[in-house]
Amino acid sequence: MSADAAAELERLERELLRPEVRADRARVDALLDDDFLEIGASGAVFGKAHALEALPEERGVAFGTGPMRVHFVTAEVARVNYAAVRRTEGDERRSLRSSWWRREADGHWRMVFHQGTPDTGAGTI
């Protein structure tokens, strides 16, 4: 697959981690597929409606990431993997993350699945 498509997916993944984007319900709505599902690092399962409700309410959360790896399953489906650090006042949590993106008929990529798993240090991405 093209380097341009990989760069676009990395840009979109990083965009979803920025506080100003997470606070923008319309932008999050545009980035998440209607069938979006997340399994959080806590083990809780969320859909798009929950993400649209919860993300704009976040305060004081910042993310740092390591390098991202983009793997194309097909020309229209890709997986993005990376390690992240979620920082809040007085707390820092490391996780390994995996997102699945699908390119829709309109040409836009939308996230269909995301999972964050606590990073135990037992492996790397």
Protein backbone atom coordinates (compact mmCIF):
# COMPACT_ATOMS: atom_id res chain seq x y z
CA MET A 1 0.00 0.00 0.00
CA SER A 2 1.08 3.57 -0.42
CA ALA A 3 3.22 5.53 1.98
CA ASP A 4 0.68 8.36 1.63
CA ALA A 5 -2.14 6.17 2.96
CA ALA A 6 0.01 4.99 5.88
CA ALA A 7 0.95 8.59 6.72
CA GLU A 8 -2.71 9.61 6.57
CA LEU A 9 -3.72 6.84 8.97
CA GLU A 10 -0.98 7.78 11.41
CA ARG A 11 -2.09 11.41 11.22
CA LEU A 12 -5.72 10.45 11.89
CA GLU A 13 -4.73 8.19 14.80
CA ARG A 14 -2.67 10.97 16.38
CA GLU A 15 -5.49 13.45 15.74
CA LEU A 16 -7.87 11.34 17.83
CA LEU A 17 -5.45 11.60 20.76
CA ARG A 18 -5.31 15.41 20.77
CA PRO A 19 -7.44 17.03 23.52
CA GLU A 20 -8.94 19.68 21.20
CA VAL A 21 -10.09 16.99 18.76
CA ARG A 22 -11.48 14.74 21.51
CA ALA A 23 -13.49 17.75 22.72
CA ASP A 24 -14.95 18.29 19.22
CA ARG A 25 -17.97 16.01 18.97
CA ALA A 26 -18.46 16.66 15.24
CA ARG A 27 -14.83 15.77 14.44
CA VAL A 28 -14.93 12.59 16.53
CA ASP A 29 -18.21 11.67 14.83
CA ALA A 30 -16.54 12.06 11.42
CA LEU A 31 -13.54 9.90 12.42
CA LEU A 32 -15.45 7.00 13.99
CA ASP A 33 -17.50 4.55 11.95
CA ASP A 34 -21.11 4.08 13.00
CA ASP A 35 -20.20 0.48 13.94
CA PHE A 36 -17.22 1.62 16.05
CA LEU A 37 -16.36 -0.57 19.05
CA GLU A 38 -13.68 -0.05 21.68
CA ILE A 39 -12.32 -2.39 24.31
CA GLY A 40 -10.65 -0.06 26.78
CA ALA A 41 -7.58 -0.76 28.89
CA SER A 42 -10.02 -1.09 31.81
CA GLY A 43 -11.74 -3.99 30.05
CA ALA A 44 -14.91 -1.96 29.48
CA VAL A 45 -16.56 -2.07 26.05
CA PHE A 46 -17.81 1.11 24.36
CA GLY A 47 -19.61 2.00 21.16
CA LYS A 48 -19.65 5.18 19.13
CA ALA A 49 -22.50 6.77 21.12
CA HIS A 50 -20.53 6.43 24.36
CA ALA A 51 -17.37 7.84 22.76
CA LEU A 52 -19.30 10.85 21.43
CA GLU A 53 -20.70 11.46 24.91
CA ALA A 54 -17.57 10.81 27.00
CA LEU A 55 -14.65 12.21 25.00
CA PRO A 56 -15.81 15.85 24.95
CA GLU A 57 -16.10 15.69 28.75
CA GLU A 58 -12.47 14.67 29.32
CA ARG A 59 -10.36 17.23 31.12
CA GLY A 60 -6.65 17.24 31.90
CA VAL A 61 -5.82 14.18 29.79
CA ALA A 62 -2.75 14.15 27.53
CA PHE A 63 -1.35 11.33 25.41
CA GLY A 64 2.16 10.59 24.28
CA THR A 65 2.92 7.89 21.73
CA GLY A 66 5.79 5.94 20.36
CA PRO A 67 6.23 5.09 16.71
CA MET A 68 3.14 3.82 14.94
CA ARG A 69 3.07 0.77 12.68
CA VAL A 70 0.49 0.63 9.90
CA HIS A 71 -0.37 -2.75 8.40
CA PHE A 72 -2.70 -2.92 5.40
CA VAL A 73 -4.92 -6.00 5.37
CA THR A 74 -6.51 -4.85 2.10
CA ALA A 75 -6.51 -1.57 0.21
CA GLU A 76 -9.52 -0.51 2.31
CA VAL A 77 -8.68 -2.00 5.74
CA ALA A 78 -5.66 -1.24 7.91
CA ARG A 79 -4.46 -1.86 11.45
CA VAL A 80 -2.45 0.73 13.39
CA ASN A 81 -0.41 -0.40 16.42
CA TYR A 82 1.55 1.70 18.90
CA ALA A 83 2.43 2.22 22.54
CA ALA A 84 0.90 5.16 24.37
CA VAL A 85 1.18 6.95 27.68
CA ARG A 86 -2.00 8.52 29.09
CA ARG A 87 -1.21 11.30 31.55
CA THR A 88 -3.55 12.98 33.97
CA GLU A 89 -2.68 15.04 37.00
CA GLY A 90 -0.73 12.70 39.25
CA ASP A 91 -1.25 9.59 37.12
CA GLU A 92 0.48 7.97 34.16
CA ARG A 93 -0.73 4.80 32.44
CA ARG A 94 1.05 2.97 29.68
CA SER A 95 -0.85 0.90 27.14
CA LEU A 96 -0.41 -0.99 23.90
CA ARG A 97 -2.97 0.11 21.32
CA SER A 98 -4.47 -1.35 18.22
CA SER A 99 -6.92 0.40 15.90
CA TRP A 100 -8.64 -0.89 12.80
CA TRP A 101 -9.54 1.60 10.08
CA ARG A 102 -11.72 1.17 6.98
CA ARG A 103 -11.71 3.39 3.90
CA GLU A 104 -15.32 4.12 3.03
CA ALA A 105 -16.85 4.62 -0.42
CA ASP A 106 -16.42 8.39 0.01
CA GLY A 107 -12.64 7.86 0.29
CA HIS A 108 -12.43 8.81 3.99
CA TRP A 109 -10.87 6.54 6.58
CA ARG A 110 -12.97 5.81 9.67
CA MET A 111 -11.97 3.90 12.78
CA VAL A 112 -14.07 0.78 13.27
CA PHE A 113 -12.30 -0.79 16.27
CA HIS A 114 -9.86 0.24 18.97
CA GLN A 115 -8.32 -1.66 21.86
CA GLY A 116 -6.02 -0.44 24.61
CA THR A 117 -4.27 -3.04 26.75
CA PRO A 118 -2.22 -2.18 29.84
CA ASP A 119 1.49 -2.33 29.00
CA THR A 120 3.09 -4.86 31.33
CA GLY A 121 6.48 -4.49 29.70
CA ALA A 122 6.30 -8.08 28.43
CA GLY A 123 6.39 -7.07 24.78
CA THR A 124 6.77 -4.26 22.33
CA ILE A 125 4.93 -3.09 19.27
